[in-house]
């Protein structure tokens, strides 16, 4: 859990103290969190097993990109 908290704080500067990267609206904060989770689970290859967590869980068979996220229908 501590490692996940560190990853959230480092990837998303909105969670660090004394920063100018704050969200003026709660909606913007939620979008930022969703992008961070998408990157962590579908784009970033993890060194422990050389896959993304989504690939390890069997949800996908490829490493996604942000373009894939934008082009995928809801």
Protein backbone atom coordinates (compact mmCIF):
# COMPACT_ATOMS: atom_id res chain seq x y z
CA UNK A 1 0.00 0.00 0.00
CA UNK A 2 2.82 2.41 0.77
CA UNK A 3 4.36 1.79 -2.65
CA UNK A 4 1.02 2.53 -4.31
CA UNK A 5 0.69 5.76 -2.33
CA UNK A 6 4.17 6.77 -3.44
CA UNK A 7 3.35 6.01 -7.06
CA UNK A 8 0.18 8.09 -6.86
CA UNK A 9 2.02 11.04 -5.34
CA UNK A 10 4.88 10.90 -7.84
CA UNK A 11 2.73 10.42 -10.93
CA UNK A 12 -0.01 12.83 -9.97
CA UNK A 13 1.38 16.04 -8.49
CA UNK A 14 -2.06 17.05 -7.27
CA UNK A 15 -1.52 14.84 -4.22
CA UNK A 16 1.71 16.44 -3.05
CA UNK A 17 1.82 19.30 -0.62
CA UNK A 18 2.64 22.88 -1.58
CA UNK A 19 2.17 22.49 -5.31
CA UNK A 20 0.67 24.68 -8.01
CA UNK A 21 -0.77 21.62 -9.78
CA UNK A 22 -3.98 21.52 -7.80
CA UNK A 23 -7.41 20.86 -9.30
CA UNK A 24 -9.82 23.74 -9.25
CA UNK A 25 -12.76 21.39 -9.72
CA UNK A 26 -13.36 17.93 -8.30
CA UNK A 27 -14.19 16.73 -11.83
CA UNK A 28 -10.64 17.61 -12.98
CA UNK A 29 -9.17 15.65 -10.08
CA UNK A 30 -11.22 12.59 -11.03
CA UNK A 31 -10.07 12.81 -14.67
CA UNK A 32 -6.47 13.06 -13.52
CA UNK A 33 -6.84 9.99 -11.31
CA UNK A 34 -8.48 8.01 -14.13
CA UNK A 35 -5.63 8.83 -16.51
CA UNK A 36 -3.09 7.80 -13.88
CA UNK A 37 -4.85 4.47 -13.29
CA UNK A 38 -5.14 3.82 -17.02
CA UNK A 39 -1.42 4.46 -17.47
CA UNK A 40 -0.48 2.29 -14.50
CA UNK A 41 -2.67 -0.67 -15.50
CA UNK A 42 -2.62 -0.67 -19.31
CA UNK A 43 0.48 1.22 -20.55
CA UNK A 44 3.33 0.83 -18.05
CA UNK A 45 5.33 -2.40 -18.25
CA UNK A 46 6.19 -3.55 -14.74
CA UNK A 47 9.68 -4.92 -14.16
CA UNK A 48 8.53 -7.75 -11.90
CA UNK A 49 6.89 -9.74 -14.70
CA UNK A 50 7.48 -7.71 -17.90
CA UNK A 51 3.76 -7.17 -18.45
CA UNK A 52 1.16 -4.59 -17.62
CA UNK A 53 -1.21 -5.51 -14.77
CA UNK A 54 -4.06 -5.72 -17.31
CA UNK A 55 -2.07 -8.25 -19.36
CA UNK A 56 -1.26 -10.26 -16.24
CA UNK A 57 -4.96 -10.33 -15.32
CA UNK A 58 -5.91 -11.45 -18.83
CA UNK A 59 -7.89 -8.32 -19.69
CA UNK A 60 -5.80 -7.52 -22.77
CA UNK A 61 -3.02 -9.06 -24.80
CA UNK A 62 -1.12 -5.89 -25.77
CA UNK A 63 0.40 -2.79 -24.25
CA UNK A 64 -2.01 0.07 -24.86
CA UNK A 65 -1.26 3.70 -25.67
CA UNK A 66 -3.18 6.86 -24.82
CA UNK A 67 -4.32 6.93 -28.46
CA UNK A 68 -5.91 3.50 -27.96
CA UNK A 69 -7.79 4.88 -24.98
CA UNK A 70 -9.09 7.83 -26.97
CA UNK A 71 -10.11 5.74 -29.98
CA UNK A 72 -11.88 2.99 -27.99
CA UNK A 73 -15.66 3.50 -27.86
CA UNK A 74 -17.33 3.52 -24.44
